[in-house]
Amino acid sequence: MKVALSLISSLFYSHGVLANLSGLTQDFLKNNADVAVAKSQIELAKLDYQAFDLQNTTNLTASTGYNDNSLESFSAFAAQFAGGAFRLPIESITHTLGLEKSFSWGGELAFDNSIQTLKAQGAKSIYGFSQGLTYRQSLGRDFLGRGFKKRRDELSLALKFSESSSEQAIQTRLLEFSRGYYDVSLNKALVKLRADAQSRAKRRLSLIKARVRDGLREKVDRIQAELSYFQTIENVSSAQQNLTSALELISTAVHRKVGSDEIISLLDKSYKRTSNPVGKIQNNTNLKGLQDQLNTTKAGLERADFNLMPEVTFQAQLRNNNFDPQEAQSISGGTFTGDNEEVAVSLNLVWPIGSKPQKVEKTRALVNYNTTKLRLDKFAQDALQSEKSIQEQIAILDKNTLSAKRRLSLATQALREYNRLYSKGRADLDQLIAAEETLINTEVSYIQYLAQRERLIYGLAFLYGNLKSFMLSQGS
């Protein structure tokens, strides 16, 4: 009993960390499926950003077509003939090749070439070649690439939001993992305490049986001692069951079997109380995530405003063509150096009347922005309150631990005295068993205070947004 008391007394004045938590945290970050899913969300957001940034690529277009046209046609020129209808079967083969390139400043350049073989009934083949160059430039929403830049900035903010959200998810799972760790640590200590109580009850039962045989004690004392002993056996089994359950939760978190020897008990010599974390509420991952989400929704709101503008497009086109019985001559005459030339310039306006769909999207973006801002403001207030509450709870647990330490010393002395008085016949067995239960309850209260404090310490690190680094640093 003195050895156990000495061990427990040394715990309160230790300042350190659990040696095995760092290694298990590394296993958790490496193997846990939820962590892998959270990290994959970041990669997906990166791909969305890269895909948008790479959309202004050069595209090669090519096509080949065959057409055999024997449809009956009508024209004013042929009106003098019967019915004005005529049939001129034409067989044609067309090949096209082009390049298209869009730019981040809202422009688009297209270059196309087309060669065609025409064969009419009773006539020689005719070859036609055309070449065109077209440039389009947005003068409205995407003038000088404003729309492109806004969308890219929005995706960049969405990537930051994805990173902070993933980090929040990982730290939330880490908080659950740290609590599970201390559940194991607590239950492992409880198994030890229950086993010690069982050993004391067994020794007491043996002593009472001997005294009953010698006529020094009544038979009822043996019965009471047996009842107490059997109760301790059940308590050990229940404690072991709870330890097994707690180990299962830890094992499923790291996806491998974790033995109780990998986790330090709250009664082990190597156990040291974890020091308070240092940090600021401003670094809270949830707070950062909400801020990133607010920035993203703000960018979406600005883009919704931008989409209310009309779409104005300027287009300039240069085209040449030539038809000739010889293919080579048709090509040479159909390029930009030929005599046949067409120049076209146009200005196009598209402005949906009322812009109702765009206004709906703006309203949706505004609702998202206001909702996110409200959540951010309220969470900032709640986080400060949570910090204050956790710090107050830790202070109370420190006081309770000191009190439990003093009670533990007194309960140990009381049990020793009742053992002495019972051996002299000056105390009954009920008093001795009550003293035993008081000691057990005091021991349990003491380690429960320690476990509660550890959970709050890691909860505070979670609140400061540095739980991952805090847990990884918990090594010997």
Protein backbone atom coordinates (compact mmCIF):
# COMPACT_ATOMS: atom_id res chain seq x y z
CA MET A 1 0.00 0.00 0.00
CA LYS A 2 2.88 2.38 0.79
CA VAL A 3 4.44 1.65 -2.59
CA ALA A 4 1.17 2.36 -4.42
CA LEU A 5 0.68 5.58 -2.45
CA SER A 6 4.21 6.67 -3.25
CA LEU A 7 3.64 6.05 -6.95
CA ILE A 8 0.41 8.02 -7.00
CA SER A 9 1.91 10.87 -5.00
CA SER A 10 4.74 11.23 -7.49
CA LEU A 11 2.26 11.65 -10.36
CA PHE A 12 0.94 15.00 -9.21
CA TYR A 13 4.33 16.70 -9.21
CA SER A 14 5.48 15.32 -12.57
CA HIS A 15 5.65 17.61 -15.60
CA GLY A 16 5.95 15.76 -18.88
CA VAL A 17 4.06 13.72 -21.43
CA LEU A 18 3.00 10.22 -22.31
CA ALA A 19 5.82 8.51 -24.17
CA ASN A 20 3.73 6.30 -26.45
CA LEU A 21 1.15 8.81 -27.62
CA SER A 22 3.44 10.34 -30.24
CA GLY A 23 4.09 7.00 -31.95
CA LEU A 24 0.43 6.05 -32.00
CA THR A 25 -0.44 9.49 -33.37
CA GLN A 26 1.99 8.91 -36.24
CA ASP A 27 0.31 5.55 -36.94
CA PHE A 28 -3.08 7.26 -36.85
CA LEU A 29 -2.08 9.98 -39.31
CA LYS A 30 -0.49 7.41 -41.61
CA ASN A 31 -3.15 4.69 -41.59
CA ASN A 32 -6.52 6.14 -40.60
CA ALA A 33 -9.05 6.05 -43.44
CA ASP A 34 -10.82 9.27 -42.42
CA VAL A 35 -7.50 11.10 -42.49
CA ALA A 36 -6.82 9.75 -45.99
CA VAL A 37 -10.27 10.91 -47.16
CA ALA A 38 -9.68 14.39 -45.71
CA LYS A 39 -6.34 14.67 -47.51
CA SER A 40 -7.90 13.48 -50.78
CA GLN A 41 -10.34 16.41 -50.65
CA ILE A 42 -7.37 18.76 -50.84
CA GLU A 43 -6.04 16.94 -53.89
CA LEU A 44 -9.44 17.15 -55.59
CA ALA A 45 -9.62 20.89 -54.94
CA LYS A 46 -6.12 21.28 -56.40
CA LEU A 47 -7.23 19.40 -59.51
CA ASP A 48 -10.26 21.69 -59.89
CA TYR A 49 -7.97 24.71 -59.74
CA GLN A 50 -5.47 23.21 -62.19
CA ALA A 51 -8.20 22.11 -64.59
CA PHE A 52 -9.62 25.63 -64.73
CA ASP A 53 -6.20 27.19 -65.17
CA LEU A 54 -5.42 24.83 -68.04
CA GLN A 55 -8.67 25.29 -69.91
CA ASN A 56 -7.13 27.93 -72.22
CA THR A 57 -5.36 25.33 -74.32
CA THR A 58 -4.80 24.98 -78.05
CA ASN A 59 -7.25 22.61 -79.70
CA LEU A 60 -6.69 20.84 -83.01
CA THR A 61 -9.86 20.12 -84.97
CA ALA A 62 -10.11 17.85 -87.97
CA SER A 63 -12.95 16.25 -89.89
CA THR A 64 -13.64 14.32 -93.09
CA GLY A 65 -17.04 13.98 -94.76
CA TYR A 66 -18.62 12.43 -97.85
CA ASN A 67 -21.89 13.58 -99.39
CA ASP A 68 -23.83 12.25 -102.41
CA ASN A 69 -26.70 14.69 -103.07
CA SER A 70 -29.45 13.71 -105.57
CA LEU A 71 -32.26 15.72 -103.98
CA GLU A 72 -34.67 17.60 -106.19
CA SER A 73 -34.10 21.37 -105.95
CA PHE A 74 -35.99 24.54 -106.91
CA SER A 75 -34.79 28.00 -107.90
CA ALA A 76 -36.17 31.13 -109.54
CA PHE A 77 -33.67 30.65 -112.31
CA ALA A 78 -35.25 27.27 -113.12
CA ALA A 79 -38.81 28.54 -112.86
CA GLN A 80 -39.09 28.67 -116.64
CA PHE A 81 -38.74 24.95 -116.73
CA ALA A 82 -41.56 22.59 -115.81
CA GLY A 83 -42.51 23.23 -112.23
CA GLY A 84 -39.29 25.14 -111.61
CA ALA A 85 -37.70 21.98 -110.18
CA PHE A 86 -34.48 20.35 -111.26
CA ARG A 87 -32.14 17.61 -110.11
CA LEU A 88 -28.34 18.07 -110.22
CA PRO A 89 -26.65 15.12 -108.51
CA ILE A 90 -23.41 16.28 -106.83
CA GLU A 91 -20.90 14.09 -105.04
CA SER A 92 -18.57 15.86 -102.61
CA ILE A 93 -15.73 14.98 -100.26
CA THR A 94 -14.67 17.58 -97.66
CA HIS A 95 -11.63 17.67 -95.36
CA THR A 96 -11.18 20.35 -92.69
CA LEU A 97 -8.30 21.14 -90.37
CA GLY A 98 -8.19 23.91 -87.79
CA LEU A 99 -6.55 25.30 -84.67
CA GLU A 100 -8.34 27.11 -81.84
CA LYS A 101 -6.77 28.91 -78.92
CA SER A 102 -8.51 30.75 -76.07
CA PHE A 103 -6.73 33.24 -73.83
CA SER A 104 -7.11 34.32 -70.22
CA TRP A 105 -7.75 37.92 -71.34
CA GLY A 106 -11.07 36.89 -72.85
CA GLY A 107 -9.94 36.46 -76.43
CA GLU A 108 -10.21 33.51 -78.78
CA LEU A 109 -8.30 32.90 -82.00
CA ALA A 110 -9.36 30.32 -84.60
CA PHE A 111 -7.58 29.30 -87.81
CA ASP A 112 -9.29 26.90 -90.23
CA ASN A 113 -8.58 25.27 -93.60
CA SER A 114 -10.99 23.34 -95.79
CA ILE A 115 -10.52 21.48 -99.08
CA GLN A 116 -13.46 20.09 -101.01
CA THR A 117 -13.82 17.84 -104.04
CA LEU A 118 -17.00 18.38 -106.06
CA LYS A 119 -18.14 16.08 -108.88
CA ALA A 120 -21.29 16.80 -110.82
CA GLN A 121 -22.91 14.36 -113.22
CA GLY A 122 -21.35 14.64 -116.68
CA ALA A 123 -18.70 17.17 -115.56
CA LYS A 124 -15.09 17.13 -114.37
CA SER A 125 -14.20 17.30 -110.72
CA ILE A 126 -13.82 20.74 -109.18
CA TYR A 127 -11.59 21.44 -106.20
CA GLY A 128 -12.37 24.14 -103.70
CA PHE A 129 -10.12 25.46 -100.93
CA SER A 130 -10.86 28.03 -98.23
CA GLN A 131 -8.80 29.47 -95.39
CA GLY A 132 -10.08 31.57 -92.51
CA LEU A 133 -8.78 33.45 -89.47
CA THR A 134 -11.20 34.58 -86.77
CA TYR A 135 -10.57 36.53 -83.55
CA ARG A 136 -13.21 37.08 -80.89
CA GLN A 137 -12.80 39.36 -77.89
CA SER A 138 -15.16 39.77 -74.97
CA LEU A 139 -15.90 43.42 -74.24
CA GLY A 140 -18.41 42.68 -71.48
CA ARG A 141 -18.18 40.22 -68.58
CA ASP A 142 -14.77 38.88 -69.54
CA PHE A 143 -13.21 42.11 -70.78
CA LEU A 144 -9.43 41.86 -70.32
CA GLY A 145 -10.02 38.53 -68.60
CA ARG A 146 -11.91 39.94 -65.60
CA GLY A 147 -14.33 37.02 -65.47
CA PHE A 148 -11.53 34.50 -65.82
CA LYS A 149 -9.52 36.10 -63.02
CA LYS A 150 -12.52 36.25 -60.71
CA ARG A 151 -13.32 32.58 -61.25
CA ARG A 152 -9.67 31.59 -60.78
CA ASP A 153 -9.47 33.65 -57.56
CA GLU A 154 -12.66 31.97 -56.35
CA LEU A 155 -11.20 28.51 -57.00
CA SER A 156 -8.00 29.51 -55.23
CA LEU A 157 -10.03 30.55 -52.18
CA ALA A 158 -12.01 27.31 -52.44
CA LEU A 159 -8.71 25.43 -52.35
CA LYS A 160 -7.72 27.24 -49.15
CA PHE A 161 -11.13 26.43 -47.68
CA SER A 162 -10.68 22.77 -48.62
CA GLU A 163 -7.28 22.73 -46.92
CA SER A 164 -8.60 24.28 -43.70
CA SER A 165 -11.69 22.03 -43.74
CA SER A 166 -9.54 18.94 -44.18
CA GLU A 167 -7.24 20.02 -41.37
CA GLN A 168 -10.29 20.60 -39.18
CA ALA A 169 -11.58 17.10 -39.96
CA ILE A 170 -8.20 15.56 -39.16
CA GLN A 171 -7.87 17.44 -35.88
CA THR A 172 -11.41 16.47 -34.90
CA ARG A 173 -10.54 12.81 -35.41
CA LEU A 174 -7.28 13.35 -33.50
CA LEU A 175 -9.24 14.77 -30.57
CA GLU A 176 -11.42 11.65 -30.54
CA PHE A 177 -8.27 9.55 -30.76
CA SER A 178 -6.63 11.31 -27.79
CA ARG A 179 -9.77 10.76 -25.71
CA GLY A 180 -9.78 7.11 -26.68
CA TYR A 181 -6.13 6.87 -25.66
CA TYR A 182 -6.89 8.17 -22.18
CA ASP A 183 -9.90 5.88 -21.92
CA VAL A 184 -7.46 3.00 -22.34
CA SER A 185 -4.99 4.59 -19.92
CA LEU A 186 -7.74 5.05 -17.33
CA ASN A 187 -9.20 1.55 -17.74
CA LYS A 188 -5.75 -0.01 -17.58
CA ALA A 189 -5.22 1.74 -14.23
CA LEU A 190 -8.66 0.60 -13.07
CA VAL A 191 -7.78 -3.01 -13.85
CA LYS A 192 -4.68 -2.63 -11.67
CA LEU A 193 -6.65 -1.08 -8.81
CA ARG A 194 -9.35 -3.74 -9.00
CA ALA A 195 -6.73 -6.48 -9.09
CA ASP A 196 -5.02 -5.01 -6.00
CA ALA A 197 -8.38 -4.90 -4.21
CA GLN A 198 -8.97 -8.54 -5.17
CA SER A 199 -5.59 -9.54 -3.72
CA ARG A 200 -6.39 -7.77 -0.44
CA ALA A 201 -9.82 -9.41 -0.29
CA LYS A 202 -8.27 -12.83 -0.92
CA ARG A 203 -5.72 -12.39 1.87
CA ARG A 204 -8.43 -11.16 4.21
CA LEU A 205 -10.65 -14.16 3.39
CA SER A 206 -7.81 -16.59 4.12
CA LEU A 207 -7.13 -14.90 7.46
CA ILE A 208 -10.80 -14.91 8.49
CA LYS A 209 -11.24 -18.56 7.51
CA ALA A 210 -8.38 -19.48 9.81
CA ARG A 211 -9.80 -17.46 12.68
CA VAL A 212 -13.26 -18.96 12.20
CA ARG A 213 -11.73 -22.45 12.42
CA ASP A 214 -9.95 -21.40 15.59
CA GLY A 215 -13.21 -20.08 17.03
CA LEU A 216 -11.91 -16.52 17.16
CA ARG A 217 -14.47 -15.23 14.66
CA GLU A 218 -18.05 -16.01 13.83
CA LYS A 219 -19.07 -17.90 10.69
CA VAL A 220 -20.89 -14.81 9.41
CA ASP A 221 -17.53 -13.04 9.07
CA ARG A 222 -16.34 -15.74 6.68
CA ILE A 223 -19.55 -15.36 4.67
CA GLN A 224 -19.14 -11.59 4.47
CA ALA A 225 -15.49 -11.97 3.49
CA GLU A 226 -16.43 -14.41 0.74
CA LEU A 227 -19.10 -12.05 -0.57
CA SER A 228 -16.57 -9.24 -0.65
CA TYR A 229 -14.00 -11.42 -2.42
CA PHE A 230 -16.40 -12.58 -5.12
CA GLN A 231 -17.44 -8.98 -5.69
CA THR A 232 -13.80 -8.03 -6.33
CA ILE A 233 -13.54 -10.82 -8.93
CA GLU A 234 -16.54 -9.38 -10.77
CA ASN A 235 -15.05 -5.90 -10.55
CA VAL A 236 -11.79 -7.09 -12.12
CA SER A 237 -13.71 -8.77 -14.95
CA SER A 238 -15.79 -5.65 -15.60
CA ALA A 239 -12.67 -3.46 -15.61
CA GLN A 240 -10.98 -5.83 -18.05
CA GLN A 241 -14.05 -5.76 -20.29
CA ASN A 242 -13.99 -1.96 -20.36
CA LEU A 243 -10.26 -2.03 -21.16
CA THR A 244 -10.86 -4.44 -24.04
CA SER A 245 -13.60 -2.20 -25.43
CA ALA A 246 -11.41 0.90 -25.17
CA LEU A 247 -8.52 -0.91 -26.90
CA GLU A 248 -10.83 -1.92 -29.72
CA LEU A 249 -11.67 1.73 -30.45
CA ILE A 250 -7.98 2.63 -30.56
CA SER A 251 -7.18 -0.37 -32.75
CA THR A 252 -9.88 0.47 -35.30
CA ALA A 253 -8.60 4.05 -35.43
CA VAL A 254 -5.10 2.96 -36.49
CA HIS A 255 -6.39 -0.14 -38.34
CA ARG A 256 -4.19 -2.58 -36.46
CA LYS A 257 -4.24 -4.44 -33.16
CA VAL A 258 -3.04 -2.21 -30.32
CA GLY A 259 -1.93 -4.01 -27.17
CA SER A 260 -2.40 -2.59 -23.69
CA ASP A 261 1.39 -2.60 -23.29
CA GLU A 262 1.59 0.16 -25.93
CA ILE A 263 -0.36 2.58 -23.74
CA ILE A 264 0.89 3.90 -20.43
CA SER A 265 -1.42 3.49 -17.47
CA LEU A 266 -2.20 6.44 -15.25
CA LEU A 267 -0.55 4.42 -12.46
CA ASP A 268 2.69 3.62 -14.31
CA LYS A 269 5.95 5.17 -13.15
CA SER A 270 6.55 6.51 -16.67
CA TYR A 271 3.28 8.43 -16.70
CA LYS A 272 3.70 12.19 -16.44
CA ARG A 273 1.02 14.82 -16.52
CA THR A 274 0.77 16.74 -19.78
CA SER A 275 1.63 20.44 -19.55
CA ASN A 276 -0.88 23.05 -20.66
CA PRO A 277 -0.67 23.87 -24.39
CA VAL A 278 0.33 27.32 -25.58
CA GLY A 279 -1.72 28.91 -28.33
CA LYS A 280 -4.30 31.42 -29.48
CA ILE A 281 -7.95 31.12 -30.41
CA GLN A 282 -7.20 32.92 -33.69
CA ASN A 283 -5.39 29.77 -34.88
CA ASN A 284 -8.40 27.53 -34.38
CA THR A 285 -8.85 25.40 -37.50
CA ASN A 286 -12.63 25.74 -37.49
CA LEU A 287 -12.31 29.51 -37.21
CA LYS A 288 -9.84 29.54 -40.09
CA GLY A 289 -12.12 27.29 -42.11
CA LEU A 290 -15.09 29.60 -41.60
CA GLN A 291 -12.95 32.60 -42.57
CA ASP A 292 -11.80 30.84 -45.73
CA GLN A 293 -15.39 29.86 -46.47
CA LEU A 294 -16.48 33.47 -45.97
CA ASN A 295 -13.81 34.65 -48.43
CA THR A 296 -14.96 32.03 -50.92
CA THR A 297 -18.63 32.98 -50.65
CA LYS A 298 -17.67 36.67 -50.93
CA ALA A 299 -15.87 35.91 -54.19
CA GLY A 300 -18.94 34.00 -55.36
CA LEU A 301 -21.10 37.02 -54.51
CA GLU A 302 -18.82 39.31 -56.53
CA ARG A 303 -18.95 36.92 -59.47
CA ALA A 304 -22.76 36.84 -59.24
CA ASP A 305 -22.77 40.64 -59.49
CA PHE A 306 -20.42 40.39 -62.43
CA ASN A 307 -22.74 37.98 -64.25
CA LEU A 308 -25.48 40.63 -64.29
CA MET A 309 -23.47 42.48 -66.93
CA PRO A 310 -24.34 41.94 -70.61
CA GLU A 311 -22.14 39.78 -72.82
CA VAL A 312 -20.57 41.89 -75.55
CA THR A 313 -18.35 40.22 -78.12
CA PHE A 314 -16.25 41.79 -80.87
CA GLN A 315 -15.37 39.54 -83.81
CA ALA A 316 -13.02 40.11 -86.79
CA GLN A 317 -12.75 37.57 -89.59
CA LEU A 318 -10.56 37.23 -92.65
CA ARG A 319 -11.35 34.53 -95.23
CA ASN A 320 -10.09 33.50 -98.70
CA ASN A 321 -11.34 30.80 -101.08
CA ASN A 322 -10.85 29.48 -104.60
CA PHE A 323 -12.36 26.84 -106.90
CA ASP A 324 -10.29 25.26 -109.68
CA PRO A 325 -10.24 22.05 -111.74
CA GLN A 326 -6.76 21.37 -110.33
CA GLU A 327 -6.26 20.77 -106.64
CA ALA A 328 -2.90 22.53 -106.36
CA GLN A 329 -4.19 25.65 -108.03
CA SER A 330 -7.28 25.73 -105.86
CA ILE A 331 -5.09 25.67 -102.73
CA SER A 332 -2.64 28.30 -103.94
CA GLY A 333 -5.49 30.58 -104.90
CA GLY A 334 -7.50 30.00 -101.73
CA THR A 335 -4.92 31.14 -99.18
CA PHE A 336 -4.68 34.63 -97.71
CA THR A 337 -2.31 35.59 -100.55
CA GLY A 338 -5.01 35.00 -103.16
CA ASP A 339 -7.29 37.50 -104.86
CA ASN A 340 -10.51 36.18 -103.35
CA GLU A 341 -10.91 37.75 -99.93
CA GLU A 342 -13.60 38.46 -97.38
CA VAL A 343 -13.20 40.75 -94.36
CA ALA A 344 -15.94 40.81 -91.75
CA VAL A 345 -16.22 42.73 -88.47
CA SER A 346 -19.13 42.38 -86.06
CA LEU A 347 -20.20 43.40 -82.58
CA ASN A 348 -22.66 41.13 -80.75
CA LEU A 349 -24.68 41.82 -77.62
CA VAL A 350 -26.45 39.21 -75.47
CA TRP A 351 -28.34 40.56 -72.45
CA PRO A 352 -31.14 38.42 -70.98
CA ILE A 353 -34.12 40.65 -70.31
CA GLY A 354 -34.49 41.06 -66.57
CA SER A 355 -31.48 38.79 -65.90
CA LYS A 356 -33.76 36.65 -63.74
CA PRO A 357 -31.51 33.54 -63.54
CA GLN A 358 -28.51 35.74 -62.69
CA LYS A 359 -30.48 37.55 -59.98
CA VAL A 360 -31.48 34.22 -58.44
CA GLU A 361 -27.83 33.20 -58.33
CA LYS A 362 -26.90 36.51 -56.73
CA THR A 363 -29.58 36.02 -54.07
CA ARG A 364 -28.28 32.51 -53.42
CA ALA A 365 -24.70 33.82 -53.12
CA LEU A 366 -25.85 36.58 -50.75
CA VAL A 367 -27.64 34.08 -48.49
CA ASN A 368 -24.54 31.87 -48.38
CA TYR A 369 -22.35 34.87 -47.55
CA ASN A 370 -24.59 36.17 -44.74
CA THR A 371 -25.04 32.70 -43.25
CA THR A 372 -21.30 32.04 -43.24
CA LYS A 373 -20.58 35.44 -41.71
CA LEU A 374 -23.11 34.79 -38.94
CA ARG A 375 -21.54 31.39 -38.21
CA LEU A 376 -18.08 32.95 -38.12
CA ASP A 377 -19.11 35.71 -35.71
CA LYS A 378 -20.94 33.31 -33.38
CA PHE A 379 -18.15 30.72 -33.42
CA ALA A 380 -15.55 33.37 -32.53
CA GLN A 381 -17.62 34.22 -29.44
CA ASP A 382 -18.21 30.56 -28.56
CA ALA A 383 -14.51 29.73 -28.92
CA LEU A 384 -13.53 32.39 -26.39
CA GLN A 385 -16.15 31.06 -23.99
CA SER A 386 -14.93 27.48 -24.52
CA GLU A 387 -11.34 28.52 -23.78
CA LYS A 388 -12.39 30.17 -20.54
CA SER A 389 -14.51 27.18 -19.54
CA ILE A 390 -11.75 24.62 -20.22
CA GLN A 391 -9.18 26.64 -18.30
CA GLU A 392 -11.54 26.93 -15.33
CA GLN A 393 -12.27 23.18 -15.43
CA ILE A 394 -8.55 22.38 -15.48
CA ALA A 395 -8.02 24.63 -12.44
CA ILE A 396 -10.87 22.87 -10.59
CA LEU A 397 -9.47 19.43 -11.46
CA ASP A 398 -6.04 20.46 -10.16
CA LYS A 399 -7.65 21.37 -6.83
CA ASN A 400 -9.67 18.16 -6.76
CA THR A 401 -6.56 16.13 -7.53
CA LEU A 402 -4.75 17.69 -4.56
CA SER A 403 -7.75 16.97 -2.36
CA ALA A 404 -8.01 13.38 -3.63
CA LYS A 405 -4.30 12.92 -2.94
CA ARG A 406 -4.82 13.96 0.69
CA ARG A 407 -7.92 11.74 0.95
CA LEU A 408 -5.93 8.85 -0.50
CA SER A 409 -3.36 9.18 2.27
CA LEU A 410 -6.09 9.30 4.92
CA ALA A 411 -8.00 6.35 3.39
CA THR A 412 -4.81 4.28 3.39
CA GLN A 413 -4.21 5.08 7.09
CA ALA A 414 -7.84 4.34 7.95
CA LEU A 415 -7.72 0.90 6.31
CA ARG A 416 -4.50 0.10 8.11
CA GLU A 417 -6.06 1.07 11.46
CA TYR A 418 -9.23 -0.94 10.84
CA ASN A 419 -7.12 -3.98 9.97
CA ARG A 420 -5.29 -3.55 13.29
CA LEU A 421 -8.50 -3.02 15.29
CA TYR A 422 -10.23 -5.96 13.59
CA SER A 423 -7.35 -8.26 14.41
CA LYS A 424 -7.76 -7.25 18.08
CA GLY A 425 -11.52 -7.70 18.00
CA ARG A 426 -12.21 -4.01 18.51
CA ALA A 427 -13.85 -3.44 15.10
CA ASP A 428 -16.29 -5.53 13.12
CA LEU A 429 -15.88 -6.75 9.53
CA ASP A 430 -18.43 -4.28 8.14
CA GLN A 431 -16.24 -1.39 9.26
CA LEU A 432 -13.17 -3.00 7.70
CA ILE A 433 -14.94 -3.62 4.37
CA ALA A 434 -16.29 -0.04 4.40
CA ALA A 435 -12.75 1.27 4.88
CA GLU A 436 -11.61 -0.92 1.98
CA GLU A 437 -14.35 0.49 -0.27
CA THR A 438 -13.47 4.06 0.76
CA LEU A 439 -9.87 3.47 -0.30
CA ILE A 440 -10.93 1.99 -3.65
CA ASN A 441 -13.35 4.84 -4.35
CA THR A 442 -10.68 7.39 -3.49
CA GLU A 443 -8.16 5.70 -5.80
CA VAL A 444 -10.74 5.64 -8.61
CA SER A 445 -11.62 9.32 -8.06
CA TYR A 446 -7.94 10.24 -8.19
CA ILE A 447 -7.20 8.60 -11.54
CA GLN A 448 -10.51 9.82 -12.98
CA TYR A 449 -9.47 13.38 -12.16
CA LEU A 450 -6.18 12.74 -13.95
CA ALA A 451 -7.94 11.34 -17.02
CA GLN A 452 -10.45 14.20 -17.14
CA ARG A 453 -7.62 16.71 -16.94
CA GLU A 454 -5.73 15.05 -19.81
CA ARG A 455 -8.83 15.12 -22.01
CA LEU A 456 -9.31 18.82 -21.29
CA ILE A 457 -5.64 19.56 -22.03
CA TYR A 458 -5.95 18.03 -25.48
CA GLY A 459 -9.30 19.74 -25.96
CA LEU A 460 -7.55 23.05 -25.30
CA ALA A 461 -4.84 22.20 -27.86
CA PHE A 462 -7.64 21.41 -30.32
CA LEU A 463 -9.21 24.78 -29.60
CA TYR A 464 -5.86 26.46 -30.33
CA GLY A 465 -5.62 24.64 -33.66
CA ASN A 466 -2.29 22.92 -32.89
CA LEU A 467 -3.51 19.51 -31.70
CA LYS A 468 -1.60 17.58 -34.36
CA SER A 469 1.80 19.09 -33.52
CA PHE A 470 0.96 18.93 -29.80
CA MET A 471 0.25 15.20 -29.92
CA LEU A 472 3.28 14.46 -32.08
CA SER A 473 5.46 16.23 -29.55
CA GLN A 474 4.30 13.99 -26.71
CA GLY A 475 7.38 11.76 -26.67
CA SER A 476 9.91 10.83 -24.06
